[in-house]
Amino acid sequence: MLRVANVLVLGLSLAACSVSGYGACMTVSEDPMVQIDPSAKAAMAGAKLAVKDFYSVMQVVSRYETGGC
């Protein structure tokens, strides 16, 4: 459970960076410039969460946390 929480914290951190680091709204999506740590990917796989599903979850979270940015 702790690893899944770490994955979600990673996602929230990415969402927060997209708001605070740039003037424009950057939506949550896969970005070839951003690499997910292999141990985080393993934690997602252990929780039956695919990378594409991770981004879907983070899009929902971003709607409430940062207005979709």
C-alpha atoms as a PDB file:
ATOM      1  CA  MET A   1       0.000   0.000   0.000  1.00  0.00           C
ATOM      2  CA  LEU A   2       2.862   2.354   0.770  1.00  0.00           C
ATOM      3  CA  ARG A   3       4.262   1.987  -2.738  1.00  0.00           C
ATOM      4  CA  VAL A   4       0.899   2.860  -4.297  1.00  0.00           C
ATOM      5  CA  ALA A   5       0.787   5.942  -2.086  1.00  0.00           C
ATOM      6  CA  ASN A   6       4.278   6.869  -3.299  1.00  0.00           C
ATOM      7  CA  VAL A   7       3.087   6.581  -6.901  1.00  0.00           C
ATOM      8  CA  LEU A   8       0.168   8.888  -6.170  1.00  0.00           C
ATOM      9  CA  VAL A   9       2.479  11.363  -4.453  1.00  0.00           C
ATOM     10  CA  LEU A  10       4.659  11.293  -7.569  1.00  0.00           C
ATOM     11  CA  GLY A  11       1.630  12.090  -9.686  1.00  0.00           C
ATOM     12  CA  LEU A  12       0.537  14.913  -7.428  1.00  0.00           C
ATOM     13  CA  SER A  13       4.064  16.302  -7.548  1.00  0.00           C
ATOM     14  CA  LEU A  14       3.998  16.255 -11.336  1.00  0.00           C
ATOM     15  CA  ALA A  15       0.633  18.011 -11.319  1.00  0.00           C
ATOM     16  CA  ALA A  16       1.905  20.630  -8.885  1.00  0.00           C
ATOM     17  CA  CYS A  17       4.992  21.251 -11.022  1.00  0.00           C
ATOM     18  CA  SER A  18       2.835  21.816 -14.061  1.00  0.00           C
ATOM     19  CA  VAL A  19       1.042  24.642 -12.252  1.00  0.00           C
ATOM     20  CA  SER A  20       3.808  26.319 -10.301  1.00  0.00           C
ATOM     21  CA  GLY A  21       6.604  26.080 -12.860  1.00  0.00           C
ATOM     22  CA  TYR A  22       4.804  27.541 -15.840  1.00  0.00           C
ATOM     23  CA  GLY A  23       2.463  30.423 -16.488  1.00  0.00           C
ATOM     24  CA  ALA A  24       0.126  28.453 -18.737  1.00  0.00           C
ATOM     25  CA  CYS A  25      -2.044  25.525 -17.763  1.00  0.00           C
ATOM     26  CA  MET A  26      -0.385  22.228 -18.605  1.00  0.00           C
ATOM     27  CA  THR A  27      -2.753  19.305 -18.515  1.00  0.00           C
ATOM     28  CA  VAL A  28      -1.746  15.961 -17.062  1.00  0.00           C
ATOM     29  CA  SER A  29      -0.638  13.626 -19.837  1.00  0.00           C
ATOM     30  CA  GLU A  30       2.213  11.359 -20.819  1.00  0.00           C
ATOM     31  CA  ASP A  31       5.295  13.347 -21.753  1.00  0.00           C
ATOM     32  CA  PRO A  32       8.337  11.779 -23.390  1.00  0.00           C
ATOM     33  CA  MET A  33      10.526  14.188 -21.408  1.00  0.00           C
ATOM     34  CA  VAL A  34       9.222  12.837 -18.078  1.00  0.00           C
ATOM     35  CA  GLN A  35      10.364   9.389 -17.010  1.00  0.00           C
ATOM     36  CA  ILE A  36       8.575   7.404 -14.324  1.00  0.00           C
ATOM     37  CA  ASP A  37      11.070   5.675 -12.041  1.00  0.00           C
ATOM     38  CA  PRO A  38      11.236   1.909 -12.705  1.00  0.00           C
ATOM     39  CA  SER A  39      10.505   1.142  -9.041  1.00  0.00           C
ATOM     40  CA  ALA A  40       7.374   3.308  -9.261  1.00  0.00           C
ATOM     41  CA  LYS A  41       6.330   1.447 -12.417  1.00  0.00           C
ATOM     42  CA  ALA A  42       6.871  -1.837 -10.585  1.00  0.00           C
ATOM     43  CA  ALA A  43       4.714  -0.570  -7.703  1.00  0.00           C
ATOM     44  CA  MET A  44       1.977   0.369 -10.182  1.00  0.00           C
ATOM     45  CA  ALA A  45       2.169  -3.073 -11.785  1.00  0.00           C
ATOM     46  CA  GLY A  46       1.960  -4.685  -8.339  1.00  0.00           C
ATOM     47  CA  ALA A  47      -1.213  -2.683  -7.702  1.00  0.00           C
ATOM     48  CA  LYS A  48      -2.623  -3.723 -11.113  1.00  0.00           C
ATOM     49  CA  LEU A  49      -2.332  -0.117 -12.352  1.00  0.00           C
ATOM     50  CA  ALA A  50      -1.026   0.411 -15.883  1.00  0.00           C
ATOM     51  CA  VAL A  51       0.902   3.568 -16.732  1.00  0.00           C
ATOM     52  CA  LYS A  52      -1.964   4.792 -18.944  1.00  0.00           C
ATOM     53  CA  ASP A  53      -4.365   4.198 -16.048  1.00  0.00           C
ATOM     54  CA  PHE A  54      -2.071   6.182 -13.760  1.00  0.00           C
ATOM     55  CA  TYR A  55      -2.380   9.193 -16.028  1.00  0.00           C
ATOM     56  CA  SER A  56      -6.166   8.752 -16.159  1.00  0.00           C
ATOM     57  CA  VAL A  57      -6.308   8.786 -12.363  1.00  0.00           C
ATOM     58  CA  MET A  58      -4.067  11.841 -12.223  1.00  0.00           C
ATOM     59  CA  GLN A  59      -6.283  13.669 -14.736  1.00  0.00           C
ATOM     60  CA  VAL A  60      -9.236  13.168 -12.391  1.00  0.00           C
ATOM     61  CA  VAL A  61      -7.207  14.285  -9.364  1.00  0.00           C
ATOM     62  CA  SER A  62      -5.935  17.346 -11.239  1.00  0.00           C
ATOM     63  CA  ARG A  63      -9.479  18.500 -11.940  1.00  0.00           C
ATOM     64  CA  TYR A  64     -10.066  18.900  -8.212  1.00  0.00           C
ATOM     65  CA  GLU A  65      -6.570  19.897  -7.091  1.00  0.00           C
ATOM     66  CA  THR A  66      -5.496  22.321  -9.812  1.00  0.00           C
ATOM     67  CA  GLY A  67      -8.536  22.906 -12.018  1.00  0.00           C
ATOM     68  CA  GLY A  68      -7.288  20.366 -14.556  1.00  0.00           C
ATOM     69  CA  CYS A  69      -3.760  21.743 -14.892  1.00  0.00           C
END
